């Protein structure tokens, strides 16, 4: 990516946009980032729907809270460690490749996430049926005064 060092924001934006058209690697990286954003956006609605379907109403708030807390802590730690890794890698790998390598290293954490989703895909249907049966039984049970 060829940009003028110390250039104004407008000048840098123009140079980056020009590189999208003239440099196939920049265009490829831009396309890959758009695909990544689309895939990331598809995760949350599915995750929230799955949590709602496999947990009884009295437990959903707790599960949502723990899930959001884990997600926020993981994102924070990941951002901090990526910055630390890229700063450490600058001694051996020139910028901006050090940033790319640091980001790539932390993609390894998605492997256990993918495994958990795979396992959940196998157990979720029976969990959903169990929740529906429990809720149906509660609805049909006589109410105490």
N, C-alpha and C. Protein backbone atom coordinates (compact mmCIF):
# COMPACT_ATOMS: atom_id res chain seq x y z
N UNK A 1 0.86 -1.16 0.00
CA UNK A 1 0.00 0.00 0.00
C UNK A 1 0.91 1.21 0.00
N UNK A 2 0.84 2.00 -1.04
CA UNK A 2 1.69 3.18 -1.17
C UNK A 2 0.93 4.41 -0.71
N UNK A 3 1.35 4.98 0.44
CA UNK A 3 0.75 6.20 0.94
C UNK A 3 1.86 7.18 1.30
N UNK A 4 1.52 8.45 1.27
CA UNK A 4 2.48 9.50 1.59
C UNK A 4 2.59 9.64 3.11
N UNK A 5 3.81 9.50 3.62
CA UNK A 5 4.01 9.64 5.05
C UNK A 5 3.75 11.08 5.47
N UNK A 6 2.92 11.23 6.51
CA UNK A 6 2.60 12.57 7.00
C UNK A 6 1.55 13.27 6.17
N UNK A 7 0.91 12.56 5.26
CA UNK A 7 -0.12 13.16 4.42
C UNK A 7 -1.39 13.45 5.20
N UNK A 8 -2.22 14.31 4.65
CA UNK A 8 -3.49 14.64 5.30
C UNK A 8 -4.44 13.45 5.18
N UNK A 9 -5.51 13.50 5.96
CA UNK A 9 -6.50 12.42 5.94
C UNK A 9 -7.10 12.26 4.55
N UNK A 10 -7.44 13.37 3.92
CA UNK A 10 -8.01 13.31 2.57
C UNK A 10 -7.04 12.71 1.57
N UNK A 11 -5.77 13.08 1.67
CA UNK A 11 -4.75 12.56 0.76
C UNK A 11 -4.58 11.05 0.98
N UNK A 12 -4.52 10.62 2.24
CA UNK A 12 -4.38 9.19 2.52
C UNK A 12 -5.59 8.40 2.04
N UNK A 13 -6.79 8.95 2.26
CA UNK A 13 -8.00 8.27 1.80
C UNK A 13 -7.99 8.11 0.28
N UNK A 14 -7.58 9.14 -0.42
CA UNK A 14 -7.50 9.06 -1.88
C UNK A 14 -6.49 8.02 -2.33
N UNK A 15 -5.35 7.97 -1.68
CA UNK A 15 -4.32 6.99 -2.05
C UNK A 15 -4.78 5.55 -1.77
N UNK A 16 -5.48 5.36 -0.66
CA UNK A 16 -5.99 4.03 -0.35
C UNK A 16 -7.05 3.62 -1.37
N UNK A 17 -7.96 4.53 -1.72
CA UNK A 17 -8.98 4.22 -2.73
C UNK A 17 -8.35 3.93 -4.09
N UNK A 18 -7.32 4.67 -4.43
CA UNK A 18 -6.61 4.42 -5.69
C UNK A 18 -5.97 3.04 -5.67
N UNK A 19 -5.42 2.65 -4.51
CA UNK A 19 -4.78 1.33 -4.39
C UNK A 19 -5.79 0.19 -4.53
N UNK A 20 -7.05 0.44 -4.14
CA UNK A 20 -8.08 -0.58 -4.31
C UNK A 20 -8.26 -0.95 -5.78
N UNK A 21 -8.06 0.03 -6.65
CA UNK A 21 -8.26 -0.18 -8.08
C UNK A 21 -6.98 -0.64 -8.76
N UNK A 22 -5.84 -0.14 -8.30
CA UNK A 22 -4.58 -0.41 -9.01
C UNK A 22 -3.79 -1.58 -8.44
N UNK A 23 -4.02 -1.97 -7.20
CA UNK A 23 -3.25 -3.03 -6.57
C UNK A 23 -4.17 -4.22 -6.29
N UNK A 24 -3.97 -5.34 -6.99
CA UNK A 24 -4.88 -6.48 -6.79
C UNK A 24 -4.82 -7.06 -5.38
N UNK A 25 -3.67 -6.95 -4.70
CA UNK A 25 -3.58 -7.47 -3.33
C UNK A 25 -4.41 -6.64 -2.37
N UNK A 26 -4.43 -5.34 -2.55
CA UNK A 26 -5.26 -4.47 -1.71
C UNK A 26 -6.73 -4.76 -1.98
N UNK A 27 -7.09 -4.94 -3.24
CA UNK A 27 -8.48 -5.26 -3.59
C UNK A 27 -8.88 -6.61 -3.01
N UNK A 28 -7.97 -7.58 -3.04
CA UNK A 28 -8.25 -8.91 -2.48
C UNK A 28 -8.42 -8.81 -0.95
N UNK A 29 -7.55 -8.05 -0.29
CA UNK A 29 -7.66 -7.88 1.16
C UNK A 29 -8.97 -7.18 1.52
N UNK A 30 -9.35 -6.19 0.73
CA UNK A 30 -10.62 -5.48 0.97
C UNK A 30 -11.80 -6.43 0.80
N UNK A 31 -11.78 -7.24 -0.26
CA UNK A 31 -12.85 -8.21 -0.48
C UNK A 31 -12.93 -9.23 0.65
N UNK A 32 -11.78 -9.71 1.10
CA UNK A 32 -11.76 -10.67 2.21
C UNK A 32 -12.30 -10.04 3.49
N UNK A 33 -11.99 -8.77 3.72
CA UNK A 33 -12.49 -8.11 4.92
C UNK A 33 -14.01 -7.93 4.87
N UNK A 34 -14.54 -7.66 3.69
CA UNK A 34 -16.00 -7.54 3.55
C UNK A 34 -16.67 -8.88 3.84
N UNK A 35 -16.11 -9.96 3.32
CA UNK A 35 -16.65 -11.30 3.57
C UNK A 35 -16.58 -11.62 5.07
N UNK A 36 -15.47 -11.26 5.72
CA UNK A 36 -15.32 -11.50 7.15
C UNK A 36 -16.36 -10.73 7.96
N UNK A 37 -16.64 -9.50 7.56
CA UNK A 37 -17.65 -8.71 8.27
C UNK A 37 -19.03 -9.34 8.11
N UNK A 38 -19.34 -9.83 6.91
CA UNK A 38 -20.63 -10.47 6.68
C UNK A 38 -20.76 -11.72 7.54
N UNK A 39 -19.70 -12.54 7.59
CA UNK A 39 -19.75 -13.76 8.40
C UNK A 39 -19.84 -13.45 9.89
N UNK A 40 -19.15 -12.42 10.33
CA UNK A 40 -19.21 -12.02 11.73
C UNK A 40 -20.61 -11.53 12.08
N UNK A 41 -21.24 -10.81 11.19
CA UNK A 41 -22.59 -10.30 11.44
C UNK A 41 -23.61 -11.43 11.50
N UNK A 42 -23.37 -12.51 10.81
CA UNK A 42 -24.31 -13.63 10.81
C UNK A 42 -24.25 -14.43 12.10
N UNK A 43 -23.19 -14.29 12.87
CA UNK A 43 -23.01 -15.08 14.08
C UNK A 43 -23.96 -14.68 15.20
N UNK A 44 -24.06 -13.41 15.51
CA UNK A 44 -24.82 -12.96 16.69
C UNK A 44 -26.30 -13.35 16.66
N UNK A 45 -27.03 -13.11 15.58
CA UNK A 45 -28.44 -13.51 15.61
C UNK A 45 -28.62 -15.01 15.83
N UNK A 46 -27.77 -15.81 15.22
CA UNK A 46 -27.88 -17.26 15.40
C UNK A 46 -27.54 -17.67 16.83
N UNK A 47 -26.53 -17.03 17.40
CA UNK A 47 -26.11 -17.33 18.76
C UNK A 47 -27.21 -16.98 19.76
N UNK A 48 -27.80 -15.79 19.62
CA UNK A 48 -28.87 -15.36 20.52
C UNK A 48 -30.10 -16.26 20.38
N UNK A 49 -30.43 -16.63 19.16
CA UNK A 49 -31.59 -17.51 18.94
C UNK A 49 -31.34 -18.88 19.56
N UNK A 50 -30.15 -19.40 19.41
CA UNK A 50 -29.83 -20.70 19.98
C UNK A 50 -29.93 -20.66 21.50
N UNK A 51 -29.38 -19.62 22.11
CA UNK A 51 -29.45 -19.50 23.57
C UNK A 51 -30.91 -19.42 24.04
N UNK A 52 -31.72 -18.66 23.34
CA UNK A 52 -33.13 -18.53 23.72
C UNK A 52 -33.86 -19.86 23.58
N UNK A 53 -33.51 -20.65 22.58
CA UNK A 53 -34.23 -21.90 22.32
C UNK A 53 -33.82 -23.05 23.23
N UNK A 54 -32.59 -23.06 23.73
CA UNK A 54 -32.13 -24.22 24.50
C UNK A 54 -32.13 -23.99 26.01
N UNK A 55 -32.59 -22.83 26.46
CA UNK A 55 -32.62 -22.53 27.89
C UNK A 55 -34.03 -22.18 28.33
N UNK A 56 -34.36 -22.61 29.51
CA UNK A 56 -35.67 -22.26 30.08
C UNK A 56 -35.70 -20.76 30.37
N UNK A 57 -36.89 -20.16 30.33
CA UNK A 57 -37.00 -18.71 30.51
C UNK A 57 -36.31 -18.18 31.78
N UNK A 58 -36.37 -18.93 32.86
CA UNK A 58 -35.78 -18.43 34.10
C UNK A 58 -34.25 -18.45 34.09
N UNK A 59 -33.65 -19.12 33.11
CA UNK A 59 -32.19 -19.19 33.02
C UNK A 59 -31.62 -18.35 31.87
N UNK A 60 -32.48 -17.86 30.99
CA UNK A 60 -32.00 -17.15 29.80
C UNK A 60 -31.22 -15.90 30.13
N UNK A 61 -31.69 -15.11 31.07
CA UNK A 61 -30.99 -13.87 31.43
C UNK A 61 -29.59 -14.15 31.92
N UNK A 62 -29.44 -15.18 32.75
CA UNK A 62 -28.11 -15.54 33.26
C UNK A 62 -27.20 -15.99 32.13
N UNK A 63 -27.73 -16.82 31.25
CA UNK A 63 -26.91 -17.33 30.15
C UNK A 63 -26.54 -16.20 29.18
N UNK A 64 -27.49 -15.32 28.88
CA UNK A 64 -27.16 -14.17 28.02
C UNK A 64 -26.10 -13.30 28.67
N UNK A 65 -26.26 -13.05 29.98
CA UNK A 65 -25.29 -12.22 30.68
C UNK A 65 -23.90 -12.82 30.67
N UNK A 66 -23.79 -14.11 30.98
CA UNK A 66 -22.48 -14.77 30.98
C UNK A 66 -21.89 -14.81 29.57
N UNK A 67 -22.74 -15.06 28.59
CA UNK A 67 -22.25 -15.09 27.20
C UNK A 67 -21.73 -13.74 26.76
N UNK A 68 -22.47 -12.67 27.07
CA UNK A 68 -22.02 -11.33 26.70
C UNK A 68 -20.77 -10.92 27.46
N UNK A 69 -20.69 -11.30 28.74
CA UNK A 69 -19.48 -11.02 29.52
C UNK A 69 -18.27 -11.73 28.92
N UNK A 70 -18.43 -13.01 28.62
CA UNK A 70 -17.32 -13.77 28.02
C UNK A 70 -16.91 -13.17 26.68
N UNK A 71 -17.89 -12.80 25.87
CA UNK A 71 -17.60 -12.21 24.57
C UNK A 71 -16.84 -10.89 24.72
N UNK A 72 -17.29 -10.03 25.63
CA UNK A 72 -16.62 -8.75 25.84
C UNK A 72 -15.21 -8.90 26.38
N UNK A 73 -15.05 -9.78 27.36
CA UNK A 73 -13.71 -10.01 27.93
C UNK A 73 -12.78 -10.60 26.86
N UNK A 74 -13.30 -11.55 26.09
CA UNK A 74 -12.48 -12.16 25.04
C UNK A 74 -12.06 -11.16 23.98
N UNK A 75 -12.97 -10.30 23.58
CA UNK A 75 -12.62 -9.27 22.59
C UNK A 75 -11.59 -8.30 23.15
N UNK A 76 -11.74 -7.91 24.40
CA UNK A 76 -10.80 -6.98 25.00
C UNK A 76 -9.41 -7.59 25.11
N UNK A 77 -9.36 -8.79 25.64
CA UNK A 77 -8.06 -9.46 25.77
C UNK A 77 -7.44 -9.70 24.40
N UNK A 78 -8.27 -10.11 23.45
CA UNK A 78 -7.75 -10.35 22.10
C UNK A 78 -7.15 -9.11 21.47
N UNK A 79 -7.85 -7.98 21.62
CA UNK A 79 -7.31 -6.72 21.07
C UNK A 79 -6.01 -6.34 21.75
N UNK A 80 -5.96 -6.48 23.07
CA UNK A 80 -4.74 -6.14 23.79
C UNK A 80 -3.58 -7.03 23.41
N UNK A 81 -3.84 -8.33 23.34
CA UNK A 81 -2.77 -9.26 23.00
C UNK A 81 -2.32 -9.11 21.54
N UNK A 82 -3.25 -8.78 20.66
CA UNK A 82 -2.86 -8.56 19.26
C UNK A 82 -1.93 -7.36 19.15
N UNK A 83 -2.25 -6.28 19.88
CA UNK A 83 -1.37 -5.11 19.89
C UNK A 83 -0.01 -5.44 20.47
N UNK A 84 0.00 -6.20 21.55
CA UNK A 84 1.27 -6.61 22.17
C UNK A 84 2.07 -7.50 21.22
N UNK A 85 1.39 -8.43 20.57
CA UNK A 85 2.08 -9.33 19.64
C UNK A 85 2.65 -8.57 18.45
N UNK A 86 1.88 -7.62 17.91
CA UNK A 86 2.40 -6.86 16.76
C UNK A 86 3.57 -5.99 17.18
N UNK A 87 3.53 -5.43 18.39
CA UNK A 87 4.66 -4.63 18.88
C UNK A 87 5.89 -5.51 19.09
N UNK A 88 5.68 -6.73 19.54
CA UNK A 88 6.80 -7.65 19.74
C UNK A 88 7.36 -8.11 18.39
N UNK A 89 6.47 -8.38 17.45
CA UNK A 89 6.91 -8.87 16.13
C UNK A 89 7.62 -7.81 15.30
N UNK A 90 7.47 -6.53 15.64
CA UNK A 90 8.10 -5.47 14.85
C UNK A 90 9.62 -5.61 14.87
N UNK A 91 10.15 -6.29 15.89
CA UNK A 91 11.62 -6.48 15.95
C UNK A 91 12.10 -7.48 14.92
N UNK A 92 11.22 -8.38 14.47
CA UNK A 92 11.63 -9.38 13.49
C UNK A 92 10.90 -9.27 12.15
N UNK A 93 9.72 -8.68 12.15
CA UNK A 93 8.91 -8.58 10.92
C UNK A 93 8.53 -7.11 10.74
N UNK A 94 8.80 -6.58 9.56
CA UNK A 94 8.52 -5.17 9.28
C UNK A 94 7.02 -4.92 9.19
N UNK A 95 6.64 -3.70 9.57
CA UNK A 95 5.24 -3.28 9.44
C UNK A 95 4.90 -3.14 7.96
N UNK A 96 3.73 -3.40 7.52
CA UNK A 96 2.52 -3.79 8.25
C UNK A 96 2.36 -5.30 8.37
N UNK A 97 3.36 -6.07 7.91
CA UNK A 97 3.24 -7.52 7.98
C UNK A 97 3.16 -8.01 9.43
N UNK A 98 3.81 -7.29 10.36
CA UNK A 98 3.73 -7.69 11.76
C UNK A 98 2.29 -7.66 12.27
N UNK A 99 1.50 -6.68 11.83
CA UNK A 99 0.09 -6.62 12.24
C UNK A 99 -0.69 -7.79 11.65
N UNK A 100 -0.43 -8.10 10.40
CA UNK A 100 -1.12 -9.22 9.75
C UNK A 100 -0.79 -10.54 10.42
N UNK A 101 0.48 -10.74 10.76
CA UNK A 101 0.88 -11.98 11.43
C UNK A 101 0.25 -12.06 12.82
N UNK A 102 0.26 -10.95 13.55
CA UNK A 102 -0.34 -10.94 14.90
C UNK A 102 -1.83 -11.27 14.82
N UNK A 103 -2.54 -10.68 13.87
CA UNK A 103 -3.97 -10.98 13.71
C UNK A 103 -4.19 -12.44 13.32
N UNK A 104 -3.33 -12.96 12.45
CA UNK A 104 -3.46 -14.35 12.02
C UNK A 104 -3.21 -15.31 13.18
N UNK A 105 -2.27 -14.98 14.05
CA UNK A 105 -1.98 -15.85 15.19
C UNK A 105 -3.21 -16.02 16.08
N UNK A 106 -3.94 -14.96 16.29
CA UNK A 106 -5.08 -15.02 17.19
C UNK A 106 -6.33 -15.62 16.54
N UNK A 107 -6.26 -15.94 15.27
CA UNK A 107 -7.37 -16.66 14.64
C UNK A 107 -7.43 -18.09 15.16
N UNK A 108 -6.34 -18.56 15.74
CA UNK A 108 -6.31 -19.92 16.30
C UNK A 108 -7.36 -20.09 17.39
N UNK A 109 -7.76 -19.00 18.06
CA UNK A 109 -8.78 -19.10 19.10
C UNK A 109 -10.15 -19.42 18.53
N UNK A 110 -10.33 -19.29 17.24
CA UNK A 110 -11.61 -19.63 16.64
C UNK A 110 -11.76 -21.13 16.45
N UNK A 111 -10.68 -21.88 16.57
CA UNK A 111 -10.76 -23.33 16.43
C UNK A 111 -11.61 -23.93 17.55
N UNK A 112 -11.35 -23.62 18.83
CA UNK A 112 -12.25 -24.16 19.86
C UNK A 112 -13.67 -23.62 19.74
N UNK A 113 -13.82 -22.39 19.28
CA UNK A 113 -15.15 -21.84 19.08
C UNK A 113 -15.91 -22.66 18.04
N UNK A 114 -15.25 -22.95 16.94
CA UNK A 114 -15.87 -23.77 15.89
C UNK A 114 -16.22 -25.16 16.39
N UNK A 115 -15.36 -25.72 17.23
CA UNK A 115 -15.63 -27.04 17.81
C UNK A 115 -16.88 -26.98 18.69
N UNK A 116 -16.99 -25.93 19.49
CA UNK A 116 -18.15 -25.78 20.37
C UNK A 116 -19.43 -25.62 19.55
N UNK A 117 -19.38 -24.83 18.47
CA UNK A 117 -20.55 -24.69 17.61
C UNK A 117 -20.92 -26.03 16.98
N UNK A 118 -19.92 -26.79 16.57
CA UNK A 118 -20.17 -28.10 15.96
C UNK A 118 -20.85 -29.02 16.96
N UNK A 119 -20.36 -29.04 18.20
CA UNK A 119 -20.97 -29.86 19.25
C UNK A 119 -22.40 -29.38 19.54
N UNK A 120 -22.59 -28.07 19.61
CA UNK A 120 -23.91 -27.52 19.89
C UNK A 120 -24.90 -27.85 18.77
N UNK A 121 -24.41 -27.91 17.54
CA UNK A 121 -25.29 -28.24 16.42
C UNK A 121 -25.84 -29.67 16.56
N UNK A 122 -25.08 -30.53 17.20
CA UNK A 122 -25.54 -31.91 17.37
C UNK A 122 -26.48 -32.07 18.57
N UNK A 123 -26.32 -31.27 19.59
CA UNK A 123 -27.15 -31.42 20.80
C UNK A 123 -28.33 -30.45 20.84
N UNK A 124 -28.26 -29.37 20.09
CA UNK A 124 -29.31 -28.34 20.16
C UNK A 124 -30.70 -28.86 19.82
N UNK A 125 -30.88 -29.67 18.79
CA UNK A 125 -32.25 -30.12 18.49
C UNK A 125 -32.92 -30.84 19.67
N UNK A 126 -32.20 -31.73 20.34
CA UNK A 126 -32.81 -32.44 21.48
C UNK A 126 -32.99 -31.49 22.67
N UNK A 127 -32.08 -30.54 22.85
CA UNK A 127 -32.23 -29.55 23.92
C UNK A 127 -33.47 -28.67 23.68
N UNK A 128 -33.67 -28.28 22.43
CA UNK A 128 -34.85 -27.47 22.09
C UNK A 128 -36.13 -28.26 22.37
N UNK A 129 -36.14 -29.54 22.00
CA UNK A 129 -37.31 -30.38 22.28
C UNK A 129 -37.55 -30.50 23.78
N UNK A 130 -36.49 -30.67 24.55
CA UNK A 130 -36.64 -30.76 26.01
C UNK A 130 -37.24 -29.49 26.60
N UNK A 131 -36.77 -28.34 26.14
CA UNK A 131 -37.31 -27.06 26.63
C UNK A 131 -38.77 -26.94 26.26
N UNK A 132 -39.12 -27.27 25.03
CA UNK A 132 -40.53 -27.18 24.59
C UNK A 132 -41.42 -28.12 25.39
N UNK A 133 -40.94 -29.32 25.66
CA UNK A 133 -41.74 -30.27 26.45
C UNK A 133 -41.93 -29.76 27.88
N UNK A 134 -40.88 -29.20 28.45
CA UNK A 134 -40.98 -28.65 29.81
C UNK A 134 -41.97 -27.50 29.86
N UNK A 135 -41.88 -26.60 28.88
CA UNK A 135 -42.80 -25.46 28.84
C UNK A 135 -44.24 -25.91 28.59
N UNK A 136 -44.42 -26.92 27.75
CA UNK A 136 -45.77 -27.46 27.50
C UNK A 136 -46.33 -28.10 28.76
N UNK A 137 -45.50 -28.84 29.47
CA UNK A 137 -45.94 -29.47 30.71
C UNK A 137 -46.31 -28.42 31.75
N UNK A 138 -45.53 -27.36 31.81
CA UNK A 138 -45.85 -26.28 32.76
C UNK A 138 -47.16 -25.60 32.39
N UNK A 139 -47.41 -25.42 31.11
CA UNK A 139 -48.63 -24.75 30.67
C UNK A 139 -49.86 -25.60 30.95
N UNK A 140 -49.70 -26.93 30.89
CA UNK A 140 -50.83 -27.82 31.09
C UNK A 140 -51.02 -28.21 32.55
N UNK A 141 -50.07 -27.93 33.40
CA UNK A 141 -50.17 -28.32 34.80
C UNK A 141 -51.14 -27.41 35.53
N UNK A 142 -51.89 -27.96 36.47
CA UNK A 142 -52.80 -27.10 37.24
C UNK A 142 -52.01 -26.10 38.08
N UNK A 143 -52.54 -24.90 38.17
CA UNK A 143 -51.86 -23.83 38.90
C UNK A 143 -52.27 -23.84 40.35
N UNK A 144 -51.29 -23.66 41.21
CA UNK A 144 -51.61 -23.60 42.65
C UNK A 144 -51.92 -22.18 43.03
N UNK A 145 -52.80 -22.00 44.00
CA UNK A 145 -53.21 -20.66 44.41
C UNK A 145 -52.28 -20.09 45.44
